[in-house]
Amino acid sequence: MSGMREWYESKVAEVLIDQATLQRRVVELGEQITADYEGLPLTVVVVMQGALFFAADLVRAVDAPLKMIPIQASSYHGGKASRGSVVLSGIDDFSLSDLVDRHVVLVDDVLDTGRTLRRLIDYFTCEIQVASIGVAVLLRKPTRREAGFEVDLRYCGFDVADEFVVGYGLDYQGEYRNLPFIAVLNQEVTK
């Protein structure tokens, strides 16, 4: 394991958020969600695959009954640049029926332009008509927000600069998800 970790660490320029800091913040967010949704029917909708690690730790930190549903939503394809449009998939009619009249917390890895989360919020509030919707993201890149794609963010782990980051579920071309920290990827790797 140490050989693989050394290899991965040689690919990152800087560790932005270490494992202990990540875990502390996720527990704090779980406590906030517990307090905010006490006694309410809660469903956590996880935007796969980047939010998988964050969501798994987050729901374990929520001290309340809940349902968890995965969904695929992406505006990225094979690298670092957004395609501009958001593609939704992976949610079926059975899952949708679980959302009617429930309070939903959308869990995503990164809020940058706001396109993906805005599309999801519109989908769940207009088409599914959930009771309420909250948004939890691990990372927010405030400088990347586009006009018209504002998101009412209730739960944010960390604000970060507009750099390409990996680890704790975040990837570059499918790799680096298993790093236990958030790091900036070396520019040489992405050339």
N, C-alpha and C. Protein backbone atom coordinates (compact mmCIF):
# COMPACT_ATOMS: atom_id res chain seq x y z
N MET A 1 0.82 -1.20 0.00
CA MET A 1 0.00 0.00 0.00
C MET A 1 0.86 1.26 0.00
N SER A 2 1.95 1.24 0.75
CA SER A 2 2.78 2.45 0.81
C SER A 2 3.39 2.77 -0.54
N GLY A 3 3.69 1.77 -1.36
CA GLY A 3 4.23 2.01 -2.70
C GLY A 3 3.23 2.72 -3.58
N MET A 4 1.98 2.29 -3.52
CA MET A 4 0.94 2.94 -4.30
C MET A 4 0.71 4.36 -3.80
N ARG A 5 0.68 4.53 -2.50
CA ARG A 5 0.46 5.87 -1.95
C ARG A 5 1.59 6.81 -2.35
N GLU A 6 2.83 6.33 -2.31
CA GLU A 6 3.96 7.16 -2.73
C GLU A 6 3.82 7.55 -4.20
N TRP A 7 3.36 6.60 -5.04
CA TRP A 7 3.17 6.89 -6.45
C TRP A 7 2.13 7.99 -6.64
N TYR A 8 0.97 7.83 -5.97
CA TYR A 8 -0.07 8.84 -6.07
C TYR A 8 0.41 10.19 -5.54
N GLU A 9 1.07 10.18 -4.42
CA GLU A 9 1.55 11.44 -3.84
C GLU A 9 2.56 12.14 -4.74
N SER A 10 3.29 11.36 -5.56
CA SER A 10 4.22 11.98 -6.50
C SER A 10 3.48 12.68 -7.64
N LYS A 11 2.20 12.40 -7.80
CA LYS A 11 1.40 13.01 -8.86
C LYS A 11 0.67 14.27 -8.41
N VAL A 12 0.67 14.55 -7.12
CA VAL A 12 -0.04 15.73 -6.63
C VAL A 12 0.94 16.85 -6.30
N ALA A 13 0.50 18.08 -6.58
CA ALA A 13 1.35 19.23 -6.32
C ALA A 13 1.28 19.66 -4.87
N GLU A 14 0.08 19.51 -4.27
CA GLU A 14 -0.11 20.02 -2.91
C GLU A 14 -1.33 19.34 -2.30
N VAL A 15 -1.22 18.93 -1.05
CA VAL A 15 -2.37 18.43 -0.32
C VAL A 15 -3.09 19.66 0.25
N LEU A 16 -4.34 19.85 -0.19
CA LEU A 16 -5.13 21.01 0.27
C LEU A 16 -5.84 20.74 1.58
N ILE A 17 -6.44 19.53 1.69
CA ILE A 17 -7.22 19.20 2.88
C ILE A 17 -6.85 17.79 3.30
N ASP A 18 -6.27 17.65 4.49
CA ASP A 18 -5.84 16.33 4.94
C ASP A 18 -7.02 15.50 5.43
N GLN A 19 -6.77 14.23 5.65
CA GLN A 19 -7.81 13.27 6.01
C GLN A 19 -8.52 13.65 7.31
N ALA A 20 -7.80 14.03 8.33
CA ALA A 20 -8.42 14.37 9.62
C ALA A 20 -9.32 15.59 9.50
N THR A 21 -8.89 16.59 8.75
CA THR A 21 -9.70 17.79 8.55
C THR A 21 -10.97 17.47 7.78
N LEU A 22 -10.85 16.62 6.76
CA LEU A 22 -12.03 16.17 6.01
C LEU A 22 -13.04 15.51 6.94
N GLN A 23 -12.58 14.57 7.73
CA GLN A 23 -13.48 13.81 8.60
C GLN A 23 -14.16 14.70 9.64
N ARG A 24 -13.42 15.64 10.21
CA ARG A 24 -14.03 16.56 11.18
C ARG A 24 -15.14 17.38 10.56
N ARG A 25 -14.90 17.90 9.37
CA ARG A 25 -15.89 18.74 8.70
C ARG A 25 -17.12 17.94 8.28
N VAL A 26 -16.93 16.73 7.82
CA VAL A 26 -18.05 15.88 7.42
C VAL A 26 -18.94 15.58 8.63
N VAL A 27 -18.35 15.32 9.77
CA VAL A 27 -19.13 15.08 10.99
C VAL A 27 -19.93 16.33 11.35
N GLU A 28 -19.32 17.51 11.25
CA GLU A 28 -20.04 18.76 11.53
C GLU A 28 -21.23 18.93 10.59
N LEU A 29 -21.04 18.63 9.30
CA LEU A 29 -22.15 18.73 8.34
C LEU A 29 -23.25 17.73 8.67
N GLY A 30 -22.88 16.53 9.06
CA GLY A 30 -23.86 15.52 9.46
C GLY A 30 -24.67 15.98 10.66
N GLU A 31 -24.02 16.62 11.61
CA GLU A 31 -24.73 17.15 12.78
C GLU A 31 -25.70 18.26 12.38
N GLN A 32 -25.31 19.11 11.44
CA GLN A 32 -26.20 20.17 10.94
C GLN A 32 -27.44 19.56 10.28
N ILE A 33 -27.22 18.58 9.43
CA ILE A 33 -28.33 17.93 8.73
C ILE A 33 -29.26 17.25 9.73
N THR A 34 -28.69 16.58 10.72
CA THR A 34 -29.49 15.94 11.77
C THR A 34 -30.41 16.95 12.44
N ALA A 35 -29.87 18.09 12.81
CA ALA A 35 -30.67 19.12 13.48
C ALA A 35 -31.72 19.72 12.55
N ASP A 36 -31.35 19.98 11.30
CA ASP A 36 -32.26 20.63 10.37
C ASP A 36 -33.44 19.75 9.95
N TYR A 37 -33.25 18.44 9.92
CA TYR A 37 -34.28 17.53 9.42
C TYR A 37 -34.86 16.62 10.51
N GLU A 38 -34.70 17.01 11.75
CA GLU A 38 -35.19 16.19 12.86
C GLU A 38 -36.69 15.93 12.69
N GLY A 39 -37.05 14.64 12.68
CA GLY A 39 -38.44 14.23 12.60
C GLY A 39 -39.06 14.30 11.21
N LEU A 40 -38.28 14.67 10.19
CA LEU A 40 -38.81 14.78 8.82
C LEU A 40 -38.37 13.59 7.98
N PRO A 41 -39.19 13.18 7.01
CA PRO A 41 -38.79 12.08 6.12
C PRO A 41 -37.70 12.57 5.16
N LEU A 42 -36.50 12.03 5.32
CA LEU A 42 -35.32 12.52 4.60
C LEU A 42 -34.81 11.50 3.58
N THR A 43 -34.49 11.99 2.39
CA THR A 43 -33.82 11.19 1.37
C THR A 43 -32.58 11.94 0.93
N VAL A 44 -31.46 11.25 0.92
CA VAL A 44 -30.20 11.81 0.44
C VAL A 44 -30.00 11.29 -0.99
N VAL A 45 -29.89 12.22 -1.94
CA VAL A 45 -29.65 11.87 -3.33
C VAL A 45 -28.19 12.18 -3.62
N VAL A 46 -27.43 11.14 -3.97
CA VAL A 46 -25.98 11.24 -4.15
C VAL A 46 -25.64 11.33 -5.63
N VAL A 47 -24.93 12.38 -6.00
CA VAL A 47 -24.47 12.53 -7.38
C VAL A 47 -23.21 11.70 -7.54
N MET A 48 -23.34 10.64 -8.33
CA MET A 48 -22.25 9.70 -8.51
C MET A 48 -21.32 10.17 -9.62
N GLN A 49 -20.11 9.82 -9.62
CA GLN A 49 -19.37 8.97 -8.72
C GLN A 49 -18.53 9.79 -7.76
N GLY A 50 -18.31 11.03 -8.09
CA GLY A 50 -17.41 11.87 -7.31
C GLY A 50 -17.82 12.07 -5.87
N ALA A 51 -19.13 12.07 -5.58
CA ALA A 51 -19.59 12.33 -4.22
C ALA A 51 -19.72 11.06 -3.38
N LEU A 52 -19.34 9.92 -3.92
CA LEU A 52 -19.53 8.64 -3.23
C LEU A 52 -18.87 8.59 -1.86
N PHE A 53 -17.61 8.94 -1.77
CA PHE A 53 -16.88 8.87 -0.49
C PHE A 53 -17.46 9.88 0.51
N PHE A 54 -17.67 11.10 0.06
CA PHE A 54 -18.25 12.15 0.89
C PHE A 54 -19.62 11.73 1.40
N ALA A 55 -20.48 11.24 0.51
CA ALA A 55 -21.84 10.85 0.90
C ALA A 55 -21.84 9.70 1.89
N ALA A 56 -20.97 8.72 1.67
CA ALA A 56 -20.92 7.56 2.58
C ALA A 56 -20.56 8.02 4.00
N ASP A 57 -19.57 8.87 4.12
CA ASP A 57 -19.20 9.38 5.44
C ASP A 57 -20.26 10.32 6.01
N LEU A 58 -20.86 11.12 5.14
CA LEU A 58 -21.87 12.08 5.59
C LEU A 58 -23.11 11.38 6.15
N VAL A 59 -23.64 10.40 5.45
CA VAL A 59 -24.86 9.75 5.96
C VAL A 59 -24.60 8.98 7.25
N ARG A 60 -23.38 8.50 7.43
CA ARG A 60 -23.05 7.84 8.70
C ARG A 60 -22.98 8.86 9.84
N ALA A 61 -22.78 10.13 9.50
CA ALA A 61 -22.73 11.19 10.52
C ALA A 61 -24.11 11.80 10.79
N VAL A 62 -25.12 11.40 10.02
CA VAL A 62 -26.48 11.89 10.24
C VAL A 62 -27.17 10.94 11.20
N ASP A 63 -27.62 11.45 12.32
CA ASP A 63 -28.27 10.63 13.35
C ASP A 63 -29.78 10.71 13.19
N ALA A 64 -30.27 10.12 12.09
CA ALA A 64 -31.70 10.11 11.79
C ALA A 64 -31.95 9.06 10.71
N PRO A 65 -33.17 8.51 10.68
CA PRO A 65 -33.48 7.58 9.60
C PRO A 65 -33.50 8.33 8.26
N LEU A 66 -33.00 7.69 7.22
CA LEU A 66 -33.00 8.30 5.91
C LEU A 66 -32.95 7.24 4.83
N LYS A 67 -33.32 7.64 3.63
CA LYS A 67 -33.14 6.82 2.44
C LYS A 67 -32.02 7.45 1.63
N MET A 68 -31.35 6.62 0.83
CA MET A 68 -30.24 7.11 0.02
C MET A 68 -30.42 6.60 -1.40
N ILE A 69 -30.37 7.51 -2.37
CA ILE A 69 -30.56 7.16 -3.78
C ILE A 69 -29.40 7.73 -4.59
N PRO A 70 -28.75 6.91 -5.42
CA PRO A 70 -27.69 7.43 -6.29
C PRO A 70 -28.28 7.94 -7.60
N ILE A 71 -27.64 8.94 -8.18
CA ILE A 71 -28.02 9.44 -9.51
C ILE A 71 -26.75 9.82 -10.25
N GLN A 72 -26.77 9.64 -11.55
CA GLN A 72 -25.65 10.08 -12.39
C GLN A 72 -26.02 11.44 -12.97
N ALA A 73 -25.17 12.41 -12.80
CA ALA A 73 -25.36 13.74 -13.38
C ALA A 73 -23.99 14.31 -13.66
N SER A 74 -23.77 14.70 -14.91
CA SER A 74 -22.43 15.18 -15.22
C SER A 74 -22.47 16.21 -16.33
N SER A 75 -21.57 17.17 -16.21
CA SER A 75 -21.33 18.11 -17.31
C SER A 75 -19.88 17.98 -17.79
N TYR A 76 -19.18 16.97 -17.27
CA TYR A 76 -17.79 16.72 -17.66
C TYR A 76 -17.71 15.43 -18.45
N HIS A 77 -16.71 15.34 -19.30
CA HIS A 77 -16.52 14.13 -20.08
C HIS A 77 -15.03 13.94 -20.33
N GLY A 78 -14.46 12.94 -19.69
CA GLY A 78 -13.09 12.52 -19.96
C GLY A 78 -11.99 13.52 -19.68
N GLY A 79 -12.16 14.39 -18.72
CA GLY A 79 -11.06 15.30 -18.42
C GLY A 79 -11.45 16.45 -17.54
N LYS A 80 -10.92 17.64 -17.88
CA LYS A 80 -11.05 18.78 -16.99
C LYS A 80 -12.08 19.80 -17.46
N ALA A 81 -12.56 19.73 -18.68
CA ALA A 81 -13.44 20.77 -19.21
C ALA A 81 -14.90 20.34 -19.20
N SER A 82 -15.76 21.26 -18.79
CA SER A 82 -17.19 21.01 -18.78
C SER A 82 -17.71 21.04 -20.20
N ARG A 83 -18.69 20.15 -20.49
CA ARG A 83 -19.32 20.13 -21.81
C ARG A 83 -20.34 21.25 -21.95
N GLY A 84 -20.77 21.82 -20.84
CA GLY A 84 -21.75 22.89 -20.91
C GLY A 84 -23.18 22.43 -20.69
N SER A 85 -23.50 21.18 -21.01
CA SER A 85 -24.84 20.66 -20.77
C SER A 85 -24.75 19.59 -19.69
N VAL A 86 -25.88 19.35 -19.03
CA VAL A 86 -25.91 18.38 -17.93
C VAL A 86 -26.72 17.17 -18.36
N VAL A 87 -26.15 15.99 -18.18
CA VAL A 87 -26.82 14.75 -18.53
C VAL A 87 -27.18 14.03 -17.22
N LEU A 88 -28.47 13.67 -17.07
CA LEU A 88 -28.96 12.93 -15.91
C LEU A 88 -29.25 11.50 -16.31
N SER A 89 -28.91 10.56 -15.44
CA SER A 89 -29.24 9.15 -15.68
C SER A 89 -29.16 8.40 -14.36
N GLY A 90 -29.63 7.15 -14.38
CA GLY A 90 -29.45 6.28 -13.23
C GLY A 90 -30.53 6.33 -12.18
N ILE A 91 -31.59 7.10 -12.41
CA ILE A 91 -32.68 7.11 -11.44
C ILE A 91 -33.90 6.52 -12.14
N ASP A 92 -34.55 5.58 -11.48
CA ASP A 92 -35.68 4.90 -12.11
C ASP A 92 -37.00 5.29 -11.45
N ASP A 93 -38.10 4.82 -12.01
CA ASP A 93 -39.43 5.17 -11.49
C ASP A 93 -39.60 4.75 -10.04
N PHE A 94 -39.03 3.61 -9.65
CA PHE A 94 -39.12 3.16 -8.26
C PHE A 94 -38.45 4.17 -7.33
N SER A 95 -37.28 4.64 -7.71
CA SER A 95 -36.58 5.64 -6.90
C SER A 95 -37.35 6.94 -6.82
N LEU A 96 -37.96 7.34 -7.93
CA LEU A 96 -38.72 8.59 -7.96
C LEU A 96 -39.90 8.54 -7.00
N SER A 97 -40.56 7.40 -6.91
CA SER A 97 -41.70 7.29 -5.99
C SER A 97 -41.26 7.44 -4.54
N ASP A 98 -40.00 7.12 -4.25
CA ASP A 98 -39.46 7.29 -2.90
C ASP A 98 -39.25 8.76 -2.53
N LEU A 99 -39.32 9.65 -3.51
CA LEU A 99 -39.03 11.06 -3.27
C LEU A 99 -40.27 11.92 -3.04
N VAL A 100 -41.42 11.43 -3.43
CA VAL A 100 -42.65 12.23 -3.32
C VAL A 100 -42.89 12.57 -1.85
N ASP A 101 -43.10 13.86 -1.59
CA ASP A 101 -43.38 14.39 -0.26
C ASP A 101 -42.25 14.17 0.76
N ARG A 102 -41.07 13.92 0.27
CA ARG A 102 -39.93 13.77 1.17
C ARG A 102 -39.02 14.98 1.06
N HIS A 103 -38.27 15.20 2.10
CA HIS A 103 -37.26 16.25 2.11
C HIS A 103 -35.98 15.65 1.55
N VAL A 104 -35.38 16.35 0.60
CA VAL A 104 -34.23 15.82 -0.12
C VAL A 104 -33.00 16.68 0.16
N VAL A 105 -31.88 16.00 0.40
CA VAL A 105 -30.58 16.66 0.44
C VAL A 105 -29.78 16.09 -0.73
N LEU A 106 -29.45 16.96 -1.69
CA LEU A 106 -28.59 16.59 -2.81
C LEU A 106 -27.15 16.65 -2.33
N VAL A 107 -26.39 15.61 -2.55
CA VAL A 107 -24.99 15.58 -2.14
C VAL A 107 -24.12 15.47 -3.39
N ASP A 108 -23.26 16.46 -3.58
CA ASP A 108 -22.37 16.49 -4.74
C ASP A 108 -20.95 16.75 -4.27
N ASP A 109 -20.00 16.48 -5.15
CA ASP A 109 -18.60 16.65 -4.78
C ASP A 109 -18.14 18.10 -4.87
N VAL A 110 -18.37 18.76 -6.04
CA VAL A 110 -17.85 20.11 -6.25
C VAL A 110 -18.94 21.00 -6.84
N LEU A 111 -19.08 22.17 -6.28
CA LEU A 111 -19.93 23.20 -6.87
C LEU A 111 -19.00 24.20 -7.55
N ASP A 112 -19.00 24.17 -8.89
CA ASP A 112 -18.18 25.16 -9.60
C ASP A 112 -19.08 26.06 -10.42
N THR A 113 -19.45 25.70 -11.64
CA THR A 113 -20.29 26.59 -12.44
C THR A 113 -21.71 26.67 -11.90
N GLY A 114 -22.18 25.60 -11.26
CA GLY A 114 -23.54 25.55 -10.75
C GLY A 114 -24.51 24.87 -11.69
N ARG A 115 -24.08 24.54 -12.90
CA ARG A 115 -24.96 23.93 -13.91
C ARG A 115 -25.58 22.62 -13.43
N THR A 116 -24.77 21.70 -12.95
CA THR A 116 -25.26 20.38 -12.57
C THR A 116 -26.27 20.49 -11.43
N LEU A 117 -25.92 21.19 -10.38
CA LEU A 117 -26.83 21.30 -9.24
C LEU A 117 -28.09 22.08 -9.59
N ARG A 118 -27.97 23.12 -10.41
CA ARG A 118 -29.17 23.87 -10.82
C ARG A 118 -30.12 22.97 -11.59
N ARG A 119 -29.58 22.13 -12.48
CA ARG A 119 -30.41 21.19 -13.25
C ARG A 119 -31.09 20.20 -12.32
N LEU A 120 -30.36 19.66 -11.35
CA LEU A 120 -30.93 18.71 -10.39
C LEU A 120 -32.00 19.35 -9.51
N ILE A 121 -31.73 20.54 -9.03
CA ILE A 121 -32.72 21.24 -8.19
C ILE A 121 -34.00 21.47 -8.98
N ASP A 122 -33.88 21.94 -10.21
CA ASP A 122 -35.06 22.16 -11.04
C ASP A 122 -35.81 20.85 -11.28
N TYR A 123 -35.08 19.80 -11.54
CA TYR A 123 -35.70 18.49 -11.79
C TYR A 123 -36.49 18.01 -10.57
N PHE A 124 -35.89 18.06 -9.41
CA PHE A 124 -36.56 17.54 -8.21
C PHE A 124 -37.69 18.44 -7.71
N THR A 125 -37.54 19.74 -7.86
CA THR A 125 -38.60 20.64 -7.37
C THR A 125 -39.74 20.78 -8.37
N CYS A 126 -39.45 20.83 -9.65
CA CYS A 126 -40.50 21.05 -10.66
C CYS A 126 -41.14 19.75 -11.15
N GLU A 127 -40.32 18.75 -11.46
CA GLU A 127 -40.85 17.52 -12.04
C GLU A 127 -41.28 16.50 -10.99
N ILE A 128 -40.55 16.38 -9.90
CA ILE A 128 -40.86 15.39 -8.87
C ILE A 128 -41.69 16.01 -7.75
N GLN A 129 -41.51 17.29 -7.50
CA GLN A 129 -42.21 18.03 -6.46
C GLN A 129 -41.96 17.45 -5.06
N VAL A 130 -40.70 17.42 -4.70
CA VAL A 130 -40.31 16.98 -3.36
C VAL A 130 -40.77 18.02 -2.34
N ALA A 131 -40.81 17.65 -1.07
CA ALA A 131 -41.26 18.56 -0.01
C ALA A 131 -40.31 19.75 0.14
N SER A 132 -39.01 19.50 0.10
CA SER A 132 -38.00 20.55 0.16
C SER A 132 -36.70 19.99 -0.37
N ILE A 133 -35.79 20.89 -0.69
CA ILE A 133 -34.50 20.43 -1.20
C ILE A 133 -33.38 21.26 -0.58
N GLY A 134 -32.37 20.56 -0.08
CA GLY A 134 -31.16 21.19 0.43
C GLY A 134 -29.98 20.66 -0.36
N VAL A 135 -28.90 21.39 -0.36
CA VAL A 135 -27.72 20.99 -1.12
C VAL A 135 -26.51 20.92 -0.20
N ALA A 136 -25.78 19.81 -0.31
CA ALA A 136 -24.52 19.62 0.42
C ALA A 136 -23.42 19.34 -0.60
N VAL A 137 -22.36 20.11 -0.53
CA VAL A 137 -21.21 19.85 -1.40
C VAL A 137 -19.95 19.77 -0.55
N LEU A 138 -19.04 18.95 -1.00
CA LEU A 138 -17.76 18.84 -0.32
C LEU A 138 -16.92 20.09 -0.56
N LEU A 139 -16.85 20.52 -1.82
CA LEU A 139 -16.02 21.66 -2.20
C LEU A 139 -16.82 22.68 -3.00
N ARG A 140 -16.53 23.95 -2.78
CA ARG A 140 -17.14 25.03 -3.57
C ARG A 140 -16.00 25.86 -4.16
N LYS A 141 -16.12 26.16 -5.47
CA LYS A 141 -15.18 27.03 -6.16
C LYS A 141 -15.92 28.31 -6.51
N PRO A 142 -15.92 29.29 -5.61
CA PRO A 142 -16.73 30.50 -5.81
C PRO A 142 -16.42 31.27 -7.09
N THR A 143 -15.19 31.24 -7.56
CA THR A 143 -14.84 32.02 -8.74
C THR A 143 -15.36 31.41 -10.04
N ARG A 144 -15.85 30.18 -10.01
CA ARG A 144 -16.31 29.51 -11.22
C ARG A 144 -17.81 29.68 -11.49
N ARG A 145 -18.56 30.23 -10.54
CA ARG A 145 -20.02 30.32 -10.69
C ARG A 145 -20.39 31.12 -11.92
N GLU A 146 -21.35 30.60 -12.69
CA GLU A 146 -21.85 31.28 -13.88
C GLU A 146 -23.16 31.99 -13.55
N ALA A 147 -23.38 33.12 -14.19
CA ALA A 147 -24.63 33.86 -14.01
C ALA A 147 -25.80 32.97 -14.42
N GLY A 148 -26.85 33.02 -13.63
CA GLY A 148 -28.04 32.22 -13.95
C GLY A 148 -28.00 30.82 -13.37
N PHE A 149 -26.90 30.43 -12.75
CA PHE A 149 -26.78 29.09 -12.17
C PHE A 149 -26.48 29.16 -10.68
N GLU A 150 -27.14 30.08 -9.99
CA GLU A 150 -26.96 30.21 -8.55
C GLU A 150 -27.61 29.04 -7.83
N VAL A 151 -27.03 28.63 -6.73
CA VAL A 151 -27.50 27.50 -5.94
C VAL A 151 -27.58 27.94 -4.48
N ASP A 152 -28.72 27.66 -3.84
CA ASP A 152 -28.88 27.93 -2.41
C ASP A 152 -28.18 26.80 -1.66
N LEU A 153 -26.96 27.05 -1.25
CA LEU A 153 -26.12 26.02 -0.66
C LEU A 153 -26.24 26.05 0.86
N ARG A 154 -26.81 24.98 1.42
CA ARG A 154 -26.96 24.90 2.88
C ARG A 154 -25.75 24.32 3.58
N TYR A 155 -25.11 23.36 2.93
CA TYR A 155 -24.03 22.62 3.59
C TYR A 155 -22.81 22.58 2.67
N CYS A 156 -21.75 23.25 3.09
CA CYS A 156 -20.52 23.30 2.30
C CYS A 156 -19.35 22.86 3.15
N GLY A 157 -18.59 21.92 2.63
CA GLY A 157 -17.40 21.47 3.35
C GLY A 157 -16.31 22.53 3.36
N PHE A 158 -15.85 22.90 2.16
CA PHE A 158 -14.70 23.81 2.05
C PHE A 158 -14.80 24.65 0.79
N ASP A 159 -14.32 25.89 0.87
CA ASP A 159 -14.11 26.71 -0.31
C ASP A 159 -12.68 26.47 -0.79
N VAL A 160 -12.52 26.31 -2.09
CA VAL A 160 -11.19 26.10 -2.67
C VAL A 160 -11.02 26.99 -3.90
N ALA A 161 -9.78 27.21 -4.26
CA ALA A 161 -9.46 28.00 -5.46
C ALA A 161 -9.81 27.18 -6.70
N ASP A 162 -9.79 27.83 -7.83
CA ASP A 162 -10.11 27.17 -9.10
C ASP A 162 -8.91 26.38 -9.60
N GLU A 163 -8.66 25.26 -8.94
CA GLU A 163 -7.59 24.35 -9.33
C GLU A 163 -8.20 22.97 -9.51
N PHE A 164 -7.56 22.13 -10.31
CA PHE A 164 -8.07 20.79 -10.51
C PHE A 164 -7.64 19.92 -9.34
N VAL A 165 -8.62 19.43 -8.59
CA VAL A 165 -8.33 18.67 -7.38
C VAL A 165 -8.79 17.22 -7.52
N VAL A 166 -8.11 16.35 -6.78
CA VAL A 166 -8.41 14.92 -6.78
C VAL A 166 -8.38 14.40 -5.35
N GLY A 167 -8.88 13.19 -5.19
CA GLY A 167 -8.86 12.53 -3.90
C GLY A 167 -10.22 12.54 -3.23
N TYR A 168 -10.43 11.62 -2.30
CA TYR A 168 -11.68 11.52 -1.54
C TYR A 168 -12.89 11.45 -2.47
N GLY A 169 -12.74 10.68 -3.55
CA GLY A 169 -13.81 10.49 -4.52
C GLY A 169 -13.64 11.28 -5.79
N LEU A 170 -12.87 12.36 -5.74
CA LEU A 170 -12.65 13.19 -6.93
C LEU A 170 -11.56 12.55 -7.79
N ASP A 171 -11.76 12.61 -9.11
CA ASP A 171 -10.84 11.88 -9.97
C ASP A 171 -10.32 12.73 -11.12
N TYR A 172 -9.32 12.19 -11.77
CA TYR A 172 -8.89 12.65 -13.09
C TYR A 172 -8.84 11.41 -13.95
N GLN A 173 -9.72 11.34 -14.93
CA GLN A 173 -9.84 10.21 -15.85
C GLN A 173 -9.94 8.88 -15.09
N GLY A 174 -10.73 8.89 -14.02
CA GLY A 174 -11.02 7.68 -13.27
C GLY A 174 -10.01 7.32 -12.19
N GLU A 175 -8.90 8.02 -12.13
CA GLU A 175 -7.88 7.70 -11.13
C GLU A 175 -7.87 8.71 -9.99
N TYR A 176 -7.23 8.35 -8.90
CA TYR A 176 -6.98 9.20 -7.73
C TYR A 176 -8.16 9.28 -6.75
N ARG A 177 -9.29 8.64 -7.05
CA ARG A 177 -10.45 8.69 -6.15
C ARG A 177 -10.13 8.18 -4.76
N ASN A 178 -9.26 7.18 -4.67
CA ASN A 178 -8.99 6.52 -3.40
C ASN A 178 -8.00 7.24 -2.49
N LEU A 179 -7.50 8.39 -2.90
CA LEU A 179 -6.64 9.16 -1.99
C LEU A 179 -7.46 9.61 -0.80
N PRO A 180 -6.95 9.51 0.41
CA PRO A 180 -7.74 9.87 1.60
C PRO A 180 -7.73 11.36 1.91
N PHE A 181 -7.21 12.17 1.01
CA PHE A 181 -7.12 13.61 1.18
C PHE A 181 -7.51 14.29 -0.13
N ILE A 182 -7.66 15.61 -0.09
CA ILE A 182 -7.92 16.40 -1.30
C ILE A 182 -6.62 17.07 -1.69
N ALA A 183 -6.24 16.92 -2.96
CA ALA A 183 -4.97 17.47 -3.42
C ALA A 183 -5.11 18.10 -4.79
N VAL A 184 -4.21 19.03 -5.08
CA VAL A 184 -4.10 19.62 -6.42
C VAL A 184 -3.25 18.67 -7.25
N LEU A 185 -3.74 18.34 -8.42
CA LEU A 185 -3.01 17.45 -9.32
C LEU A 185 -1.90 18.22 -10.03
N ASN A 186 -0.72 17.58 -10.15
CA ASN A 186 0.37 18.20 -10.90
C ASN A 186 -0.07 18.50 -12.31
N GLN A 187 0.29 19.65 -12.84
CA GLN A 187 -0.09 20.02 -14.21
C GLN A 187 0.50 19.08 -15.25
N GLU A 188 1.65 18.49 -14.96
CA GLU A 188 2.28 17.56 -15.90
C GLU A 188 1.39 16.34 -16.15
N VAL A 189 0.62 15.95 -15.16
CA VAL A 189 -0.24 14.77 -15.27
C VAL A 189 -1.36 15.03 -16.27
N THR A 190 -1.86 16.25 -16.33
CA THR A 190 -3.02 16.57 -17.17
C THR A 190 -2.65 17.05 -18.56
N LYS A 191 -1.38 17.10 -18.89
CA LYS A 191 -0.95 17.54 -20.25
C LYS A 191 -1.13 16.46 -21.27
